[in-house]
Amino acid sequence: MKFKDFGRGARIELSHMAKRLGMKFIGYNPSAQQVSLEHKGKGVTFNLDEFIECYQKIQSTI
């Protein structure tokens, strides 16, 4: 799955997703398809596919 950089709207949605997972959104790299997050004071980078998959798993259990 390859996403383009859709601008501010996509970043806002990724930020909301991270917040629901208990993380802080730092940034999105469209060329590398990576999402940077902060969790418990440490920086973490996920591939976009992994992040969305993790989010969907957690949302389906709620």
PDB file of N, CA and C in Angstrom:
ATOM      1  N   MET A   1       0.851  -1.152   0.000  1.00  0.00           N
ATOM      2  CA  MET A   1       0.000   0.000   0.000  1.00  0.00           C
ATOM      3  C   MET A   1       0.909   1.230   0.000  1.00  0.00           C
ATOM      4  N   LYS A   2       0.725   2.124  -0.942  1.00  0.00           N
ATOM      5  CA  LYS A   2       1.573   3.311  -1.078  1.00  0.00           C
ATOM      6  C   LYS A   2       0.695   4.543  -0.975  1.00  0.00           C
ATOM      7  N   PHE A   3       0.989   5.397   0.000  1.00  0.00           N
ATOM      8  CA  PHE A   3       0.237   6.626   0.188  1.00  0.00           C
ATOM      9  C   PHE A   3       1.067   7.802  -0.280  1.00  0.00           C
ATOM     10  N   LYS A   4       0.422   8.767  -0.844  1.00  0.00           N
ATOM     11  CA  LYS A   4       1.083  10.018  -1.187  1.00  0.00           C
ATOM     12  C   LYS A   4       0.961  10.941   0.018  1.00  0.00           C
ATOM     13  N   ASP A   5       1.618  12.062  -0.047  1.00  0.00           N
ATOM     14  CA  ASP A   5       1.496  13.045   1.008  1.00  0.00           C
ATOM     15  C   ASP A   5       0.263  13.895   0.707  1.00  0.00           C
ATOM     16  N   PHE A   6      -0.787  13.679   1.466  1.00  0.00           N
ATOM     17  CA  PHE A   6      -2.030  14.400   1.236  1.00  0.00           C
ATOM     18  C   PHE A   6      -2.089  15.696   2.036  1.00  0.00           C
ATOM     19  N   GLY A   7      -0.985  16.042   2.675  1.00  0.00           N
ATOM     20  CA  GLY A   7      -0.911  17.315   3.367  1.00  0.00           C
ATOM     21  C   GLY A   7      -1.372  17.267   4.797  1.00  0.00           C
ATOM     22  N   ARG A   8      -1.848  18.395   5.226  1.00  0.00           N
ATOM     23  CA  ARG A   8      -2.187  18.596   6.628  1.00  0.00           C
ATOM     24  C   ARG A   8      -3.289  17.672   7.116  1.00  0.00           C
ATOM     25  N   GLY A   9      -4.267  17.393   6.299  1.00  0.00           N
ATOM     26  CA  GLY A   9      -5.380  16.532   6.697  1.00  0.00           C
ATOM     27  C   GLY A   9      -4.927  15.130   7.077  1.00  0.00           C
ATOM     28  N   ALA A  10      -4.005  14.578   6.305  1.00  0.00           N
ATOM     29  CA  ALA A  10      -3.484  13.240   6.601  1.00  0.00           C
ATOM     30  C   ALA A  10      -2.685  13.254   7.889  1.00  0.00           C
ATOM     31  N   ARG A  11      -1.919  14.301   8.092  1.00  0.00           N
ATOM     32  CA  ARG A  11      -1.128  14.413   9.317  1.00  0.00           C
ATOM     33  C   ARG A  11      -2.027  14.558  10.538  1.00  0.00           C
ATOM     34  N   ILE A  12      -3.107  15.277  10.411  1.00  0.00           N
ATOM     35  CA  ILE A  12      -4.054  15.424  11.515  1.00  0.00           C
ATOM     36  C   ILE A  12      -4.681  14.076  11.845  1.00  0.00           C
ATOM     37  N   GLU A  13      -5.071  13.325  10.843  1.00  0.00           N
ATOM     38  CA  GLU A  13      -5.669  12.008  11.071  1.00  0.00           C
ATOM     39  C   GLU A  13      -4.664  11.050  11.712  1.00  0.00           C
ATOM     40  N   LEU A  14      -3.416  11.057  11.247  1.00  0.00           N
ATOM     41  CA  LEU A  14      -2.385  10.223  11.862  1.00  0.00           C
ATOM     42  C   LEU A  14      -2.159  10.627  13.310  1.00  0.00           C
ATOM     43  N   SER A  15      -2.236  11.912  13.584  1.00  0.00           N
ATOM     44  CA  SER A  15      -2.087  12.401  14.953  1.00  0.00           C
ATOM     45  C   SER A  15      -3.210  11.880  15.851  1.00  0.00           C
ATOM     46  N   HIS A  16      -4.437  11.893  15.352  1.00  0.00           N
ATOM     47  CA  HIS A  16      -5.581  11.373  16.114  1.00  0.00           C
ATOM     48  C   HIS A  16      -5.430   9.873  16.356  1.00  0.00           C
ATOM     49  N   MET A  17      -4.966   9.159  15.352  1.00  0.00           N
ATOM     50  CA  MET A  17      -4.764   7.718  15.495  1.00  0.00           C
ATOM     51  C   MET A  17      -3.721   7.429  16.570  1.00  0.00           C
ATOM     52  N   ALA A  18      -2.615   8.177  16.537  1.00  0.00           N
ATOM     53  CA  ALA A  18      -1.548   7.983  17.521  1.00  0.00           C
ATOM     54  C   ALA A  18      -2.049   8.292  18.929  1.00  0.00           C
ATOM     55  N   LYS A  19      -2.835   9.333  19.047  1.00  0.00           N
ATOM     56  CA  LYS A  19      -3.363   9.723  20.358  1.00  0.00           C
ATOM     57  C   LYS A  19      -4.255   8.620  20.925  1.00  0.00           C
ATOM     58  N   ARG A  20      -5.067   7.998  20.081  1.00  0.00           N
ATOM     59  CA  ARG A  20      -5.938   6.900  20.527  1.00  0.00           C
ATOM     60  C   ARG A  20      -5.132   5.689  20.972  1.00  0.00           C
ATOM     61  N   LEU A  21      -3.907   5.560  20.441  1.00  0.00           N
ATOM     62  CA  LEU A  21      -3.028   4.453  20.820  1.00  0.00           C
ATOM     63  C   LEU A  21      -2.145   4.810  22.016  1.00  0.00           C
ATOM     64  N   GLY A  22      -2.290   6.022  22.539  1.00  0.00           N
ATOM     65  CA  GLY A  22      -1.500   6.450  23.687  1.00  0.00           C
ATOM     66  C   GLY A  22      -0.115   6.948  23.323  1.00  0.00           C
ATOM     67  N   MET A  23       0.049   7.406  22.094  1.00  0.00           N
ATOM     68  CA  MET A  23       1.335   7.902  21.624  1.00  0.00           C
ATOM     69  C   MET A  23       1.183   9.344  21.140  1.00  0.00           C
ATOM     70  N   LYS A  24       2.306  10.000  20.939  1.00  0.00           N
ATOM     71  CA  LYS A  24       2.304  11.361  20.412  1.00  0.00           C
ATOM     72  C   LYS A  24       2.860  11.330  18.996  1.00  0.00           C
ATOM     73  N   PHE A  25       2.156  11.937  18.065  1.00  0.00           N
ATOM     74  CA  PHE A  25       2.578  12.001  16.670  1.00  0.00           C
ATOM     75  C   PHE A  25       3.693  13.024  16.519  1.00  0.00           C
ATOM     76  N   ILE A  26       4.789  12.619  15.876  1.00  0.00           N
ATOM     77  CA  ILE A  26       5.899  13.523  15.627  1.00  0.00           C
ATOM     78  C   ILE A  26       5.929  13.947  14.163  1.00  0.00           C
ATOM     79  N   GLY A  27       5.794  12.978  13.248  1.00  0.00           N
ATOM     80  CA  GLY A  27       5.844  13.345  11.838  1.00  0.00           C
ATOM     81  C   GLY A  27       5.609  12.165  10.919  1.00  0.00           C
ATOM     82  N   TYR A  28       5.447  12.498   9.636  1.00  0.00           N
ATOM     83  CA  TYR A  28       5.196  11.503   8.601  1.00  0.00           C
ATOM     84  C   TYR A  28       6.148  11.764   7.446  1.00  0.00           C
ATOM     85  N   ASN A  29       6.836  10.728   6.988  1.00  0.00           N
ATOM     86  CA  ASN A  29       7.752  10.830   5.856  1.00  0.00           C
ATOM     87  C   ASN A  29       7.118  10.115   4.670  1.00  0.00           C
ATOM     88  N   PRO A  30       6.553  10.862   3.714  1.00  0.00           N
ATOM     89  CA  PRO A  30       5.852  10.229   2.589  1.00  0.00           C
ATOM     90  C   PRO A  30       6.774   9.458   1.640  1.00  0.00           C
ATOM     91  N   SER A  31       8.022   9.883   1.494  1.00  0.00           N
ATOM     92  CA  SER A  31       8.910   9.177   0.575  1.00  0.00           C
ATOM     93  C   SER A  31       9.332   7.824   1.132  1.00  0.00           C
ATOM     94  N   ALA A  32       9.499   7.714   2.448  1.00  0.00           N
ATOM     95  CA  ALA A  32       9.878   6.442   3.072  1.00  0.00           C
ATOM     96  C   ALA A  32       8.664   5.690   3.614  1.00  0.00           C
ATOM     97  N   GLN A  33       7.485   6.305   3.556  1.00  0.00           N
ATOM     98  CA  GLN A  33       6.250   5.702   4.069  1.00  0.00           C
ATOM     99  C   GLN A  33       6.411   5.307   5.544  1.00  0.00           C
ATOM    100  N   GLN A  34       6.897   6.266   6.366  1.00  0.00           N
ATOM    101  CA  GLN A  34       7.116   6.017   7.779  1.00  0.00           C
ATOM    102  C   GLN A  34       6.420   7.056   8.632  1.00  0.00           C
ATOM    103  N   VAL A  35       5.983   6.614   9.805  1.00  0.00           N
ATOM    104  CA  VAL A  35       5.350   7.484  10.780  1.00  0.00           C
ATOM    105  C   VAL A  35       6.246   7.520  12.012  1.00  0.00           C
ATOM    106  N   SER A  36       6.575   8.707  12.481  1.00  0.00           N
ATOM    107  CA  SER A  36       7.390   8.856  13.678  1.00  0.00           C
ATOM    108  C   SER A  36       6.485   9.232  14.846  1.00  0.00           C
ATOM    109  N   LEU A  37       6.670   8.515  15.947  1.00  0.00           N
ATOM    110  CA  LEU A  37       5.837   8.703  17.125  1.00  0.00           C
ATOM    111  C   LEU A  37       6.704   8.777  18.367  1.00  0.00           C
ATOM    112  N   GLU A  38       6.121   9.273  19.455  1.00  0.00           N
ATOM    113  CA  GLU A  38       6.789   9.271  20.749  1.00  0.00           C
ATOM    114  C   GLU A  38       5.950   8.428  21.691  1.00  0.00           C
ATOM    115  N   HIS A  39       6.600   7.473  22.343  1.00  0.00           N
ATOM    116  CA  HIS A  39       5.911   6.604  23.293  1.00  0.00           C
ATOM    117  C   HIS A  39       6.762   6.505  24.553  1.00  0.00           C
ATOM    118  N   LYS A  40       6.204   6.948  25.661  1.00  0.00           N
ATOM    119  CA  LYS A  40       6.890   6.950  26.957  1.00  0.00           C
ATOM    120  C   LYS A  40       8.232   7.663  26.875  1.00  0.00           C
ATOM    121  N   GLY A  41       8.263   8.788  26.177  1.00  0.00           N
ATOM    122  CA  GLY A  41       9.459   9.611  26.091  1.00  0.00           C
ATOM    123  C   GLY A  41      10.496   9.163  25.081  1.00  0.00           C
ATOM    124  N   LYS A  42      10.225   8.104  24.357  1.00  0.00           N
ATOM    125  CA  LYS A  42      11.188   7.600  23.374  1.00  0.00           C
ATOM    126  C   LYS A  42      10.591   7.699  21.971  1.00  0.00           C
ATOM    127  N   GLY A  43      11.423   8.030  21.012  1.00  0.00           N
ATOM    128  CA  GLY A  43      10.995   8.114  19.626  1.00  0.00           C
ATOM    129  C   GLY A  43      10.929   6.744  18.989  1.00  0.00           C
ATOM    130  N   VAL A  44       9.854   6.503  18.245  1.00  0.00           N
ATOM    131  CA  VAL A  44       9.643   5.229  17.574  1.00  0.00           C
ATOM    132  C   VAL A  44       9.222   5.522  16.140  1.00  0.00           C
ATOM    133  N   THR A  45       9.757   4.751  15.195  1.00  0.00           N
ATOM    134  CA  THR A  45       9.376   4.913  13.797  1.00  0.00           C
ATOM    135  C   THR A  45       8.762   3.614  13.299  1.00  0.00           C
ATOM    136  N   PHE A  46       7.579   3.723  12.706  1.00  0.00           N
ATOM    137  CA  PHE A  46       6.862   2.581  12.149  1.00  0.00           C
ATOM    138  C   PHE A  46       6.705   2.773  10.648  1.00  0.00           C
ATOM    139  N   ASN A  47       6.677   1.678   9.918  1.00  0.00           N
ATOM    140  CA  ASN A  47       6.223   1.751   8.531  1.00  0.00           C
ATOM    141  C   ASN A  47       4.739   2.068   8.583  1.00  0.00           C
ATOM    142  N   LEU A  48       4.268   2.796   7.623  1.00  0.00           N
ATOM    143  CA  LEU A  48       2.879   3.232   7.623  1.00  0.00           C
ATOM    144  C   LEU A  48       1.925   2.042   7.650  1.00  0.00           C
ATOM    145  N   ASP A  49       2.232   0.992   6.883  1.00  0.00           N
ATOM    146  CA  ASP A  49       1.375  -0.192   6.865  1.00  0.00           C
ATOM    147  C   ASP A  49       1.268  -0.833   8.241  1.00  0.00           C
ATOM    148  N   GLU A  50       2.387  -0.951   8.932  1.00  0.00           N
ATOM    149  CA  GLU A  50       2.397  -1.552  10.269  1.00  0.00           C
ATOM    150  C   GLU A  50       1.585  -0.714  11.249  1.00  0.00           C
ATOM    151  N   PHE A  51       1.745   0.598  11.167  1.00  0.00           N
ATOM    152  CA  PHE A  51       1.016   1.495  12.064  1.00  0.00           C
ATOM    153  C   PHE A  51      -0.489   1.373  11.865  1.00  0.00           C
ATOM    154  N   ILE A  52      -0.925   1.370  10.617  1.00  0.00           N
ATOM    155  CA  ILE A  52      -2.361   1.264  10.329  1.00  0.00           C
ATOM    156  C   ILE A  52      -2.884  -0.105  10.751  1.00  0.00           C
ATOM    157  N   GLU A  53      -2.123  -1.160  10.505  1.00  0.00           N
ATOM    158  CA  GLU A  53      -2.526  -2.505  10.901  1.00  0.00           C
ATOM    159  C   GLU A  53      -2.669  -2.611  12.422  1.00  0.00           C
ATOM    160  N   CYS A  54      -1.717  -2.061  13.146  1.00  0.00           N
ATOM    161  CA  CYS A  54      -1.760  -2.064  14.609  1.00  0.00           C
ATOM    162  C   CYS A  54      -2.977  -1.282  15.108  1.00  0.00           C
ATOM    163  N   TYR A  55      -3.219  -0.131  14.508  1.00  0.00           N
ATOM    164  CA  TYR A  55      -4.368   0.694  14.881  1.00  0.00           C
ATOM    165  C   TYR A  55      -5.679  -0.053  14.646  1.00  0.00           C
ATOM    166  N   GLN A  56      -5.804  -0.719  13.509  1.00  0.00           N
ATOM    167  CA  GLN A  56      -7.032  -1.443  13.201  1.00  0.00           C
ATOM    168  C   GLN A  56      -7.256  -2.608  14.151  1.00  0.00           C
ATOM    169  N   LYS A  57      -6.191  -3.296  14.545  1.00  0.00           N
ATOM    170  CA  LYS A  57      -6.306  -4.399  15.504  1.00  0.00           C
ATOM    171  C   LYS A  57      -6.834  -3.908  16.835  1.00  0.00           C
ATOM    172  N   ILE A  58      -6.266  -2.802  17.309  1.00  0.00           N
ATOM    173  CA  ILE A  58      -6.666  -2.269  18.606  1.00  0.00           C
ATOM    174  C   ILE A  58      -8.085  -1.718  18.554  1.00  0.00           C
ATOM    175  N   GLN A  59      -8.450  -1.064  17.470  1.00  0.00           N
ATOM    176  CA  GLN A  59      -9.805  -0.521  17.359  1.00  0.00           C
ATOM    177  C   GLN A  59     -10.853  -1.628  17.257  1.00  0.00           C
ATOM    178  N   SER A  60     -10.491  -2.770  16.685  1.00  0.00           N
ATOM    179  CA  SER A  60     -11.470  -3.850  16.555  1.00  0.00           C
ATOM    180  C   SER A  60     -11.720  -4.534  17.893  1.00  0.00           C
ATOM    181  N   THR A  61     -10.779  -4.416  18.841  1.00  0.00           N
ATOM    182  CA  THR A  61     -10.968  -5.027  20.158  1.00  0.00           C
ATOM    183  C   THR A  61     -11.739  -4.139  21.117  1.00  0.00           C
ATOM    184  N   ILE A  62     -11.876  -2.869  20.774  1.00  0.00           N
ATOM    185  CA  ILE A  62     -12.595  -1.932  21.664  1.00  0.00           C
ATOM    186  C   ILE A  62     -14.077  -2.017  21.455  1.00  0.00           C
TER     187      ILE A  62
END
